[in-house]
Amino acid sequence: MTHEEMLEVAAQREAMNSQKRKIEKQFDAWFDELEGYSFRYERFWDDFDQAKDKNDYHTTKSMVKWMRTAFEMGYYACESKINGESK
C-alpha cells in the first residue's frame, strides 16, 4: 500500500469516526428530552432496572444496543430523505 493510499484510508476512518461521534451526541440529546410526562431515559432505565433486578443481563445489554441502533437507523433514514437518496 502506498503512502497516499494509507493517508486516504486514514482520512476515511476519521470521517467515519467523526460521523459516529456526531450521531452519538445527537442520540444523547434525544435520549435526554422530555416526552409526555417523563424523560425518555427515565422510562428506558425503569425497564432496564426491572430486567437487571431479575439478573437478566442479556436483556439489559440488548436493550442498550437496540436503543442506539434504532436511533442510528432513524438518523440515516432521515438523512437519506433530506439528501434525496432512496434506499
C-alpha atoms as a PDB file:
ATOM      1  CA  MET A   1       0.000   0.000   0.000  1.00  0.00           C
ATOM      2  CA  THR A   2       1.401   3.371  -0.966  1.00  0.00           C
ATOM      3  CA  HIS A   3       1.697   6.299   1.395  1.00  0.00           C
ATOM      4  CA  GLU A   4      -1.112   8.126  -0.433  1.00  0.00           C
ATOM      5  CA  GLU A   5      -3.406   5.108  -0.115  1.00  0.00           C
ATOM      6  CA  MET A   6      -2.655   4.860   3.606  1.00  0.00           C
ATOM      7  CA  LEU A   7      -3.497   8.549   4.013  1.00  0.00           C
ATOM      8  CA  GLU A   8      -6.766   8.028   2.131  1.00  0.00           C
ATOM      9  CA  VAL A   9      -7.723   5.076   4.350  1.00  0.00           C
ATOM     10  CA  ALA A  10      -6.872   7.109   7.451  1.00  0.00           C
ATOM     11  CA  ALA A  11      -8.998  10.024   6.193  1.00  0.00           C
ATOM     12  CA  GLN A  12     -11.935   7.679   5.523  1.00  0.00           C
ATOM     13  CA  ARG A  13     -11.671   6.176   9.009  1.00  0.00           C
ATOM     14  CA  GLU A  14     -11.551   9.617  10.578  1.00  0.00           C
ATOM     15  CA  ALA A  15     -14.644  10.671   8.617  1.00  0.00           C
ATOM     16  CA  MET A  16     -16.498   7.551   9.786  1.00  0.00           C
ATOM     17  CA  ASN A  17     -15.416   8.124  13.396  1.00  0.00           C
ATOM     18  CA  SER A  18     -16.465  11.757  13.199  1.00  0.00           C
ATOM     19  CA  GLN A  19     -19.902  10.743  11.861  1.00  0.00           C
ATOM     20  CA  LYS A  20     -20.270   8.158  14.647  1.00  0.00           C
ATOM     21  CA  ARG A  21     -19.390  10.749  17.318  1.00  0.00           C
ATOM     22  CA  LYS A  22     -21.928  13.161  15.782  1.00  0.00           C
ATOM     23  CA  ILE A  23     -24.672  10.516  15.906  1.00  0.00           C
ATOM     24  CA  GLU A  24     -23.775   9.583  19.496  1.00  0.00           C
ATOM     25  CA  LYS A  25     -24.069  13.229  20.586  1.00  0.00           C
ATOM     26  CA  GLN A  26     -27.422  13.553  18.826  1.00  0.00           C
ATOM     27  CA  PHE A  27     -28.606  10.332  20.445  1.00  0.00           C
ATOM     28  CA  ASP A  28     -27.649  11.608  23.892  1.00  0.00           C
ATOM     29  CA  ALA A  29     -29.545  14.867  23.276  1.00  0.00           C
ATOM     30  CA  TRP A  30     -32.615  12.966  22.017  1.00  0.00           C
ATOM     31  CA  PHE A  31     -32.478  10.461  24.888  1.00  0.00           C
ATOM     32  CA  ASP A  32     -32.460  13.300  27.454  1.00  0.00           C
ATOM     33  CA  GLU A  33     -35.575  15.019  26.002  1.00  0.00           C
ATOM     34  CA  LEU A  34     -38.895  15.290  27.787  1.00  0.00           C
ATOM     35  CA  GLU A  35     -41.566  13.193  26.086  1.00  0.00           C
ATOM     36  CA  GLY A  36     -45.033  13.435  27.507  1.00  0.00           C
ATOM     37  CA  TYR A  37     -44.778  13.447  31.286  1.00  0.00           C
ATOM     38  CA  SER A  38     -41.346  11.894  31.627  1.00  0.00           C
ATOM     39  CA  PHE A  39     -37.943  11.898  30.045  1.00  0.00           C
ATOM     40  CA  ARG A  40     -37.147   9.167  27.559  1.00  0.00           C
ATOM     41  CA  TYR A  41     -34.227   7.991  29.638  1.00  0.00           C
ATOM     42  CA  GLU A  42     -36.449   7.629  32.738  1.00  0.00           C
ATOM     43  CA  ARG A  43     -38.782   5.187  31.007  1.00  0.00           C
ATOM     44  CA  PHE A  44     -35.919   3.296  29.427  1.00  0.00           C
ATOM     45  CA  TRP A  45     -33.923   2.957  32.661  1.00  0.00           C
ATOM     46  CA  ASP A  46     -37.030   1.927  34.595  1.00  0.00           C
ATOM     47  CA  ASP A  47     -37.482  -1.038  32.239  1.00  0.00           C
ATOM     48  CA  PHE A  48     -33.733  -1.643  32.287  1.00  0.00           C
ATOM     49  CA  ASP A  49     -33.682  -1.758  36.095  1.00  0.00           C
ATOM     50  CA  GLN A  50     -36.540  -4.253  36.143  1.00  0.00           C
ATOM     51  CA  ALA A  51     -34.573  -6.580  33.858  1.00  0.00           C
ATOM     52  CA  LYS A  52     -31.444  -6.010  35.937  1.00  0.00           C
ATOM     53  CA  ASP A  53     -33.287  -6.867  39.160  1.00  0.00           C
ATOM     54  CA  LYS A  54     -34.184 -10.204  37.577  1.00  0.00           C
ATOM     55  CA  ASN A  55     -30.477 -10.720  36.737  1.00  0.00           C
ATOM     56  CA  ASP A  56     -31.387 -10.763  33.054  1.00  0.00           C
ATOM     57  CA  TYR A  57     -28.086  -9.353  31.789  1.00  0.00           C
ATOM     58  CA  HIS A  58     -28.720 -10.460  28.220  1.00  0.00           C
ATOM     59  CA  THR A  59     -31.865  -8.311  28.102  1.00  0.00           C
ATOM     60  CA  THR A  60     -30.171  -5.274  29.633  1.00  0.00           C
ATOM     61  CA  LYS A  61     -27.287  -5.449  27.178  1.00  0.00           C
ATOM     62  CA  SER A  62     -29.689  -5.972  24.270  1.00  0.00           C
ATOM     63  CA  MET A  63     -31.861  -3.037  25.350  1.00  0.00           C
ATOM     64  CA  VAL A  64     -28.973  -0.573  25.197  1.00  0.00           C
ATOM     65  CA  LYS A  65     -27.763  -1.936  21.851  1.00  0.00           C
ATOM     66  CA  TRP A  66     -31.300  -1.864  20.408  1.00  0.00           C
ATOM     67  CA  MET A  67     -31.909   1.726  21.529  1.00  0.00           C
ATOM     68  CA  ARG A  68     -28.725   3.043  19.953  1.00  0.00           C
ATOM     69  CA  THR A  69     -29.244   1.040  16.750  1.00  0.00           C
ATOM     70  CA  ALA A  70     -32.843   2.228  16.399  1.00  0.00           C
ATOM     71  CA  PHE A  71     -31.716   5.822  16.788  1.00  0.00           C
ATOM     72  CA  GLU A  72     -28.923   5.420  14.228  1.00  0.00           C
ATOM     73  CA  MET A  73     -31.267   3.809  11.690  1.00  0.00           C
ATOM     74  CA  GLY A  74     -33.751   6.647  12.146  1.00  0.00           C
ATOM     75  CA  TYR A  75     -30.938   9.138  11.738  1.00  0.00           C
ATOM     76  CA  TYR A  76     -29.763   7.569   8.487  1.00  0.00           C
ATOM     77  CA  ALA A  77     -33.324   7.277   7.158  1.00  0.00           C
ATOM     78  CA  CYS A  78     -33.925  10.981   7.777  1.00  0.00           C
ATOM     79  CA  GLU A  79     -30.537  11.907   6.349  1.00  0.00           C
ATOM     80  CA  SER A  80     -31.233   9.986   3.143  1.00  0.00           C
ATOM     81  CA  LYS A  81     -34.632  11.692   2.755  1.00  0.00           C
ATOM     82  CA  ILE A  82     -33.047  15.103   3.235  1.00  0.00           C
ATOM     83  CA  ASN A  83     -30.352  14.318   0.681  1.00  0.00           C
ATOM     84  CA  GLY A  84     -32.896  12.888  -1.779  1.00  0.00           C
ATOM     85  CA  GLU A  85     -31.465   9.397  -1.680  1.00  0.00           C
ATOM     86  CA  SER A  86     -33.689   6.349  -1.944  1.00  0.00           C
ATOM     87  CA  LYS A  87     -32.803   3.207  -0.042  1.00  0.00           C
END
